[in-house]
C-alpha atoms as a PDB file:
ATOM      1  CA  UNK A   1     129.974 200.784-128.826  1.00  0.00           C
ATOM      2  CA  UNK A   2     132.533 199.364-126.436  1.00  0.00           C
ATOM      3  CA  UNK A   3     131.751 202.076-123.883  1.00  0.00           C
ATOM      4  CA  UNK A   4     128.037 201.292-124.170  1.00  0.00           C
ATOM      5  CA  UNK A   5     128.585 197.553-123.909  1.00  0.00           C
ATOM      6  CA  UNK A   6     126.853 196.739-127.178  1.00  0.00           C
ATOM      7  CA  UNK A   7     128.045 194.683-130.100  1.00  0.00           C
ATOM      8  CA  UNK A   8     125.386 195.757-132.604  1.00  0.00           C
ATOM      9  CA  UNK A   9     125.106 198.941-134.640  1.00  0.00           C
ATOM     10  CA  UNK A  10     121.754 199.750-136.244  1.00  0.00           C
ATOM     11  CA  UNK A  11     121.851 201.709-139.499  1.00  0.00           C
ATOM     12  CA  UNK A  12     118.823 202.822-141.484  1.00  0.00           C
ATOM     13  CA  UNK A  13     118.327 203.442-145.172  1.00  0.00           C
ATOM     14  CA  UNK A  14     118.245 207.140-146.004  1.00  0.00           C
ATOM     15  CA  UNK A  15     115.860 209.682-147.491  1.00  0.00           C
ATOM     16  CA  UNK A  16     118.711 211.844-148.768  1.00  0.00           C
ATOM     17  CA  UNK A  17     117.626 213.032-152.226  1.00  0.00           C
ATOM     18  CA  UNK A  18     121.134 212.829-153.673  1.00  0.00           C
ATOM     19  CA  UNK A  19     122.018 209.283-152.560  1.00  0.00           C
ATOM     20  CA  UNK A  20     123.084 206.953-155.331  1.00  0.00           C
ATOM     21  CA  UNK A  21     120.442 204.637-156.789  1.00  0.00           C
ATOM     22  CA  UNK A  22     123.219 202.096-157.509  1.00  0.00           C
ATOM     23  CA  UNK A  23     122.322 199.151-155.269  1.00  0.00           C
ATOM     24  CA  UNK A  24     125.768 197.603-155.711  1.00  0.00           C
ATOM     25  CA  UNK A  25     127.413 200.795-154.443  1.00  0.00           C
ATOM     26  CA  UNK A  26     125.047 200.894-151.454  1.00  0.00           C
ATOM     27  CA  UNK A  27     125.933 197.261-150.745  1.00  0.00           C
ATOM     28  CA  UNK A  28     129.634 198.068-151.093  1.00  0.00           C
ATOM     29  CA  UNK A  29     129.329 200.910-148.575  1.00  0.00           C
ATOM     30  CA  UNK A  30     127.491 198.604-146.161  1.00  0.00           C
ATOM     31  CA  UNK A  31     130.146 195.910-146.630  1.00  0.00           C
ATOM     32  CA  UNK A  32     132.897 198.427-145.900  1.00  0.00           C
ATOM     33  CA  UNK A  33     131.189 199.428-142.655  1.00  0.00           C
ATOM     34  CA  UNK A  34     130.685 195.764-141.738  1.00  0.00           C
ATOM     35  CA  UNK A  35     134.394 195.117-142.328  1.00  0.00           C
ATOM     36  CA  UNK A  36     135.295 197.911-139.895  1.00  0.00           C
ATOM     37  CA  UNK A  37     132.918 196.455-137.311  1.00  0.00           C
ATOM     38  CA  UNK A  38     133.989 192.818-137.658  1.00  0.00           C
ATOM     39  CA  UNK A  39     137.515 193.689-136.538  1.00  0.00           C
ATOM     40  CA  UNK A  40     136.055 194.253-133.044  1.00  0.00           C
ATOM     41  CA  UNK A  41     133.503 191.457-133.197  1.00  0.00           C
ATOM     42  CA  UNK A  42     130.621 193.862-133.841  1.00  0.00           C
ATOM     43  CA  UNK A  43     127.515 193.268-135.917  1.00  0.00           C
ATOM     44  CA  UNK A  44     125.377 195.531-138.101  1.00  0.00           C
ATOM     45  CA  UNK A  45     121.574 195.619-138.335  1.00  0.00           C
ATOM     46  CA  UNK A  46     120.278 197.351-141.473  1.00  0.00           C
ATOM     47  CA  UNK A  47     116.769 198.860-141.283  1.00  0.00           C
ATOM     48  CA  UNK A  48     114.490 200.077-144.033  1.00  0.00           C
ATOM     49  CA  UNK A  49     112.822 203.453-143.584  1.00  0.00           C
ATOM     50  CA  UNK A  50     109.484 203.540-145.403  1.00  0.00           C
ATOM     51  CA  UNK A  51     110.226 207.028-146.744  1.00  0.00           C
ATOM     52  CA  UNK A  52     113.748 206.167-147.918  1.00  0.00           C
ATOM     53  CA  UNK A  53     114.892 207.322-151.335  1.00  0.00           C
ATOM     54  CA  UNK A  54     116.008 203.933-152.679  1.00  0.00           C
ATOM     55  CA  UNK A  55     115.479 201.264-149.991  1.00  0.00           C
ATOM     56  CA  UNK A  56     112.010 201.788-148.473  1.00  0.00           C
ATOM     57  CA  UNK A  57     111.014 198.146-147.940  1.00  0.00           C
ATOM     58  CA  UNK A  58     112.511 195.303-145.945  1.00  0.00           C
ATOM     59  CA  UNK A  59     112.960 193.446-149.228  1.00  0.00           C
ATOM     60  CA  UNK A  60     115.056 196.335-150.569  1.00  0.00           C
ATOM     61  CA  UNK A  61     117.394 196.315-147.577  1.00  0.00           C
ATOM     62  CA  UNK A  62     117.531 192.513-147.594  1.00  0.00           C
ATOM     63  CA  UNK A  63     118.725 192.679-151.219  1.00  0.00           C
ATOM     64  CA  UNK A  64     121.449 195.145-150.182  1.00  0.00           C
ATOM     65  CA  UNK A  65     122.442 192.949-147.215  1.00  0.00           C
ATOM     66  CA  UNK A  66     122.709 189.899-149.468  1.00  0.00           C
ATOM     67  CA  UNK A  67     124.808 191.807-151.995  1.00  0.00           C
ATOM     68  CA  UNK A  68     127.087 193.059-149.201  1.00  0.00           C
ATOM     69  CA  UNK A  69     127.656 189.391-148.350  1.00  0.00           C
ATOM     70  CA  UNK A  70     129.077 189.771-144.847  1.00  0.00           C
ATOM     71  CA  UNK A  71     128.336 187.403-141.974  1.00  0.00           C
ATOM     72  CA  UNK A  72     128.017 190.239-139.469  1.00  0.00           C
ATOM     73  CA  UNK A  73     125.155 192.043-141.293  1.00  0.00           C
ATOM     74  CA  UNK A  74     121.472 191.311-140.732  1.00  0.00           C
ATOM     75  CA  UNK A  75     118.104 193.061-140.805  1.00  0.00           C
ATOM     76  CA  UNK A  76     116.392 195.259-138.277  1.00  0.00           C
ATOM     77  CA  UNK A  77     112.694 194.656-138.916  1.00  0.00           C
ATOM     78  CA  UNK A  78     110.637 197.554-137.611  1.00  0.00           C
ATOM     79  CA  UNK A  79     106.873 197.165-137.388  1.00  0.00           C
ATOM     80  CA  UNK A  80     106.239 200.784-138.286  1.00  0.00           C
ATOM     81  CA  UNK A  81     108.693 200.905-141.168  1.00  0.00           C
ATOM     82  CA  UNK A  82     107.258 197.717-142.660  1.00  0.00           C
ATOM     83  CA  UNK A  83     103.568 198.213-141.974  1.00  0.00           C
ATOM     84  CA  UNK A  84     103.828 201.982-142.376  1.00  0.00           C
ATOM     85  CA  UNK A  85     104.927 201.567-145.955  1.00  0.00           C
ATOM     86  CA  UNK A  86     103.292 198.299-146.923  1.00  0.00           C
ATOM     87  CA  UNK A  87      99.996 198.341-145.032  1.00  0.00           C
ATOM     88  CA  UNK A  88      99.289 201.930-144.088  1.00  0.00           C
ATOM     89  CA  UNK A  89      98.729 204.873-146.404  1.00  0.00           C
ATOM     90  CA  UNK A  90      98.345 208.323-144.892  1.00  0.00           C
ATOM     91  CA  UNK A  91      96.843 209.668-148.124  1.00  0.00           C
ATOM     92  CA  UNK A  92      93.599 207.715-147.598  1.00  0.00           C
ATOM     93  CA  UNK A  93      90.752 208.560-145.243  1.00  0.00           C
ATOM     94  CA  UNK A  94      91.186 205.289-143.330  1.00  0.00           C
ATOM     95  CA  UNK A  95      94.956 205.643-143.064  1.00  0.00           C
ATOM     96  CA  UNK A  96      95.301 202.194-144.634  1.00  0.00           C
ATOM     97  CA  UNK A  97      95.788 200.923-148.139  1.00  0.00           C
ATOM     98  CA  UNK A  98      92.332 200.890-149.651  1.00  0.00           C
ATOM     99  CA  UNK A  99      92.774 198.272-152.326  1.00  0.00           C
ATOM    100  CA  UNK A 100      90.394 195.630-151.061  1.00  0.00           C
ATOM    101  CA  UNK A 101      93.034 193.652-149.148  1.00  0.00           C
ATOM    102  CA  UNK A 102      91.893 192.484-145.754  1.00  0.00           C
ATOM    103  CA  UNK A 103      94.566 189.991-144.670  1.00  0.00           C
ATOM    104  CA  UNK A 104      97.635 191.573-143.103  1.00  0.00           C
ATOM    105  CA  UNK A 105      99.962 189.142-144.882  1.00  0.00           C
ATOM    106  CA  UNK A 106      98.562 190.196-148.256  1.00  0.00           C
ATOM    107  CA  UNK A 107      98.620 193.862-147.285  1.00  0.00           C
ATOM    108  CA  UNK A 108     102.340 193.939-146.474  1.00  0.00           C
ATOM    109  CA  UNK A 109     103.444 195.442-149.751  1.00  0.00           C
ATOM    110  CA  UNK A 110     104.877 198.786-150.684  1.00  0.00           C
ATOM    111  CA  UNK A 111     102.967 201.825-151.865  1.00  0.00           C
ATOM    112  CA  UNK A 112     104.731 204.518-153.835  1.00  0.00           C
ATOM    113  CA  UNK A 113     106.445 207.048-151.560  1.00  0.00           C
ATOM    114  CA  UNK A 114     104.687 210.365-151.231  1.00  0.00           C
ATOM    115  CA  UNK A 115     106.060 213.078-153.457  1.00  0.00           C
ATOM    116  CA  UNK A 116     105.324 215.993-151.124  1.00  0.00           C
ATOM    117  CA  UNK A 117     108.310 217.708-149.587  1.00  0.00           C
ATOM    118  CA  UNK A 118     109.257 218.234-145.929  1.00  0.00           C
ATOM    119  CA  UNK A 119     106.975 220.177-143.582  1.00  0.00           C
ATOM    120  CA  UNK A 120     108.089 223.060-141.351  1.00  0.00           C
ATOM    121  CA  UNK A 121     109.902 220.620-139.057  1.00  0.00           C
ATOM    122  CA  UNK A 122     111.948 219.267-141.946  1.00  0.00           C
ATOM    123  CA  UNK A 123     110.161 215.905-141.879  1.00  0.00           C
ATOM    124  CA  UNK A 124     108.551 214.443-144.983  1.00  0.00           C
ATOM    125  CA  UNK A 125     104.930 213.252-144.567  1.00  0.00           C
ATOM    126  CA  UNK A 126     105.844 209.648-143.704  1.00  0.00           C
ATOM    127  CA  UNK A 127     108.464 210.918-141.272  1.00  0.00           C
ATOM    128  CA  UNK A 128     105.895 213.133-139.537  1.00  0.00           C
ATOM    129  CA  UNK A 129     103.451 210.213-139.501  1.00  0.00           C
ATOM    130  CA  UNK A 130     106.152 208.028-137.961  1.00  0.00           C
ATOM    131  CA  UNK A 131     106.880 210.471-135.161  1.00  0.00           C
ATOM    132  CA  UNK A 132     103.294 211.460-134.352  1.00  0.00           C
ATOM    133  CA  UNK A 133     101.346 208.237-134.799  1.00  0.00           C
ATOM    134  CA  UNK A 134     103.426 205.410-133.379  1.00  0.00           C
ATOM    135  CA  UNK A 135     101.987 205.042-129.883  1.00  0.00           C
ATOM    136  CA  UNK A 136     102.408 202.010-127.661  1.00  0.00           C
ATOM    137  CA  UNK A 137     100.695 198.834-128.895  1.00  0.00           C
ATOM    138  CA  UNK A 138      97.030 198.765-127.925  1.00  0.00           C
ATOM    139  CA  UNK A 139      97.085 202.485-127.086  1.00  0.00           C
ATOM    140  CA  UNK A 140      95.656 204.148-130.149  1.00  0.00           C
ATOM    141  CA  UNK A 141      97.806 202.720-132.905  1.00  0.00           C
ATOM    142  CA  UNK A 142      96.229 200.964-135.831  1.00  0.00           C
ATOM    143  CA  UNK A 143      99.147 199.218-137.520  1.00  0.00           C
ATOM    144  CA  UNK A 144      98.820 195.401-137.312  1.00  0.00           C
ATOM    145  CA  UNK A 145     101.661 194.879-134.851  1.00  0.00           C
ATOM    146  CA  UNK A 146     100.412 191.493-133.653  1.00  0.00           C
ATOM    147  CA  UNK A 147     100.335 190.150-137.226  1.00  0.00           C
ATOM    148  CA  UNK A 148     103.818 191.483-137.849  1.00  0.00           C
ATOM    149  CA  UNK A 149     105.236 189.858-134.705  1.00  0.00           C
ATOM    150  CA  UNK A 150     103.584 186.529-135.602  1.00  0.00           C
ATOM    151  CA  UNK A 151     105.080 186.713-139.105  1.00  0.00           C
ATOM    152  CA  UNK A 152     108.563 187.372-137.681  1.00  0.00           C
ATOM    153  CA  UNK A 153     108.242 184.504-135.185  1.00  0.00           C
ATOM    154  CA  UNK A 154     107.085 182.205-138.006  1.00  0.00           C
ATOM    155  CA  UNK A 155     110.530 182.662-139.606  1.00  0.00           C
ATOM    156  CA  UNK A 156     112.081 180.953-136.586  1.00  0.00           C
ATOM    157  CA  UNK A 157     113.492 184.158-135.092  1.00  0.00           C
ATOM    158  CA  UNK A 158     113.897 183.987-131.315  1.00  0.00           C
ATOM    159  CA  UNK A 159     115.779 187.135-130.404  1.00  0.00           C
ATOM    160  CA  UNK A 160     115.099 190.506-128.838  1.00  0.00           C
ATOM    161  CA  UNK A 161     112.040 192.590-129.615  1.00  0.00           C
ATOM    162  CA  UNK A 162     111.788 196.228-128.659  1.00  0.00           C
ATOM    163  CA  UNK A 163     109.003 198.749-128.986  1.00  0.00           C
ATOM    164  CA  UNK A 164     109.787 202.302-130.003  1.00  0.00           C
ATOM    165  CA  UNK A 165     106.974 204.688-129.119  1.00  0.00           C
ATOM    166  CA  UNK A 166     106.339 208.132-130.587  1.00  0.00           C
ATOM    167  CA  UNK A 167     102.969 209.635-129.833  1.00  0.00           C
ATOM    168  CA  UNK A 168     101.739 213.068-130.868  1.00  0.00           C
ATOM    169  CA  UNK A 169      99.077 212.767-128.135  1.00  0.00           C
ATOM    170  CA  UNK A 170     101.473 211.790-125.323  1.00  0.00           C
ATOM    171  CA  UNK A 171     100.872 214.851-123.151  1.00  0.00           C
ATOM    172  CA  UNK A 172      97.081 214.558-123.451  1.00  0.00           C
ATOM    173  CA  UNK A 173      97.214 210.852-122.510  1.00  0.00           C
ATOM    174  CA  UNK A 174      99.869 210.893-119.797  1.00  0.00           C
ATOM    175  CA  UNK A 175     100.785 214.474-118.946  1.00  0.00           C
ATOM    176  CA  UNK A 176     104.080 214.138-117.094  1.00  0.00           C
ATOM    177  CA  UNK A 177     103.128 210.833-115.429  1.00  0.00           C
ATOM    178  CA  UNK A 178     105.780 208.411-116.653  1.00  0.00           C
ATOM    179  CA  UNK A 179     104.525 205.730-114.241  1.00  0.00           C
ATOM    180  CA  UNK A 180     101.166 205.709-116.037  1.00  0.00           C
ATOM    181  CA  UNK A 181     103.039 205.446-119.355  1.00  0.00           C
ATOM    182  CA  UNK A 182     105.193 202.562-118.038  1.00  0.00           C
ATOM    183  CA  UNK A 183     102.100 200.717-116.791  1.00  0.00           C
ATOM    184  CA  UNK A 184     100.419 201.147-120.179  1.00  0.00           C
ATOM    185  CA  UNK A 185     103.611 199.921-121.885  1.00  0.00           C
ATOM    186  CA  UNK A 186     103.688 196.778-119.727  1.00  0.00           C
ATOM    187  CA  UNK A 187     100.003 196.166-120.435  1.00  0.00           C
ATOM    188  CA  UNK A 188     100.728 196.474-124.173  1.00  0.00           C
ATOM    189  CA  UNK A 189     103.683 194.058-123.958  1.00  0.00           C
ATOM    190  CA  UNK A 190     101.563 191.496-122.099  1.00  0.00           C
ATOM    191  CA  UNK A 191      98.770 191.719-124.666  1.00  0.00           C
ATOM    192  CA  UNK A 192     101.278 191.400-127.494  1.00  0.00           C
ATOM    193  CA  UNK A 193     102.902 188.322-125.968  1.00  0.00           C
ATOM    194  CA  UNK A 194      99.539 186.656-125.362  1.00  0.00           C
ATOM    195  CA  UNK A 195      98.172 187.340-128.860  1.00  0.00           C
END
């Protein structure tokens, strides 16, 4: 971290099938890591993965962070990991939760993780979905990113935002033209900021 010039380490919840379900032990492990980091003035951002074994929602990781009770631990809120588990559902024809909810705020809730195992790449269905269907904002994605960003800003947060793009159609859209991709990324950022 020193060599990279960063003071924050991002750690995600895990989909390991043999991880302990004991939330206090998970919090203890996180606290131990935070204690190692604080000696150098480093911070820790804990992120939920929507396919995680025991901490798939932001509320789950927030509970673990609170139990860890260290000043240098916070959340990494990821639009895909939140909306992908609490708004989207790849088992439905629409790709969204089909329970009659229409407001994004009401739709941010967790669905049960899929029980199917990993595919030939070793990724579970939500992991494959994450890596193939997370294009740039306004470039084919359907998760309510604008609503998510507004909800985060409503908390009073005024820090860094970043967009992580994975797109199973990248080559068809951009070929090897990274300039075209960068222009589309800037267009997406501008639309997001203005919405």
